[in-house]
């Protein structure tokens, strides 16, 4: 979830952030957190969030098997 507290950002910027977030998630699952592609996408994603003073948070709720 990306939240802008002070001003509303444009739809174009929001779409770009969503696209990078989806790409980031896919590459992370496919290639891992140390791959060159992930690091490049993650850097672009974080730079865009910083530029617009945004914060990215994730909430994962699920179940795991008992051991």
Protein backbone atom coordinates (compact mmCIF):
# COMPACT_ATOMS: atom_id res chain seq x y z
CA UNK A 1 0.00 0.00 0.00
CA UNK A 2 1.36 3.40 -0.96
CA UNK A 3 0.07 6.43 0.92
CA UNK A 4 0.69 10.11 0.25
CA UNK A 5 -0.04 12.16 3.32
CA UNK A 6 0.34 15.78 2.21
CA UNK A 7 -0.79 16.00 -1.43
CA UNK A 8 -2.63 13.76 -3.84
CA UNK A 9 -0.33 12.39 -6.55
CA UNK A 10 -1.32 12.09 -10.19
CA UNK A 11 -2.80 8.92 -11.65
CA UNK A 12 0.22 8.60 -13.97
CA UNK A 13 2.62 8.49 -11.01
CA UNK A 14 0.34 6.08 -9.15
CA UNK A 15 0.26 3.77 -12.20
CA UNK A 16 4.05 3.87 -12.46
CA UNK A 17 4.41 2.97 -8.78
CA UNK A 18 1.92 0.11 -9.14
CA UNK A 19 3.75 -1.20 -12.19
CA UNK A 20 7.12 -1.13 -10.44
CA UNK A 21 5.62 -2.74 -7.34
CA UNK A 22 4.22 -5.62 -9.42
CA UNK A 23 7.48 -6.04 -11.37
CA UNK A 24 9.42 -5.99 -8.12
CA UNK A 25 7.21 -8.71 -6.60
CA UNK A 26 7.44 -10.94 -9.70
CA UNK A 27 11.23 -10.66 -10.00
CA UNK A 28 11.64 -11.23 -6.26
CA UNK A 29 9.63 -14.46 -6.48
CA UNK A 30 11.32 -15.66 -9.69
CA UNK A 31 14.94 -14.63 -9.21
CA UNK A 32 15.40 -13.82 -5.54
CA UNK A 33 16.40 -10.73 -3.56
CA UNK A 34 20.03 -10.65 -4.73
CA UNK A 35 19.43 -10.73 -8.49
CA UNK A 36 20.55 -7.79 -10.63
CA UNK A 37 17.03 -7.30 -12.00
CA UNK A 38 15.48 -7.13 -8.54
CA UNK A 39 18.10 -4.71 -7.23
CA UNK A 40 17.62 -2.43 -10.24
CA UNK A 41 13.81 -2.43 -9.99
CA UNK A 42 13.93 -2.02 -6.21
CA UNK A 43 16.24 0.98 -6.53
CA UNK A 44 13.91 2.64 -9.08
CA UNK A 45 10.89 1.86 -6.90
CA UNK A 46 12.48 3.33 -3.77
CA UNK A 47 13.72 6.41 -5.65
CA UNK A 48 10.21 7.09 -6.95
CA UNK A 49 8.72 6.71 -3.47
CA UNK A 50 11.35 9.03 -2.01
CA UNK A 51 10.77 11.61 -4.76
CA UNK A 52 7.09 11.89 -3.86
CA UNK A 53 7.57 11.44 -0.10
CA UNK A 54 5.68 8.13 -0.05
CA UNK A 55 5.86 5.09 2.23
CA UNK A 56 5.42 1.48 1.13
CA UNK A 57 4.03 -1.04 3.60
CA UNK A 58 2.96 -4.65 3.23
CA UNK A 59 0.66 -6.71 5.40
CA UNK A 60 0.72 -10.46 4.95
CA UNK A 61 -1.85 -12.55 6.75
CA UNK A 62 -1.88 -16.29 6.37
CA UNK A 63 -1.53 -19.67 7.98
CA UNK A 64 1.33 -22.14 8.29
CA UNK A 65 1.28 -25.82 9.18
CA UNK A 66 2.08 -26.93 12.70
CA UNK A 67 5.43 -28.62 13.05
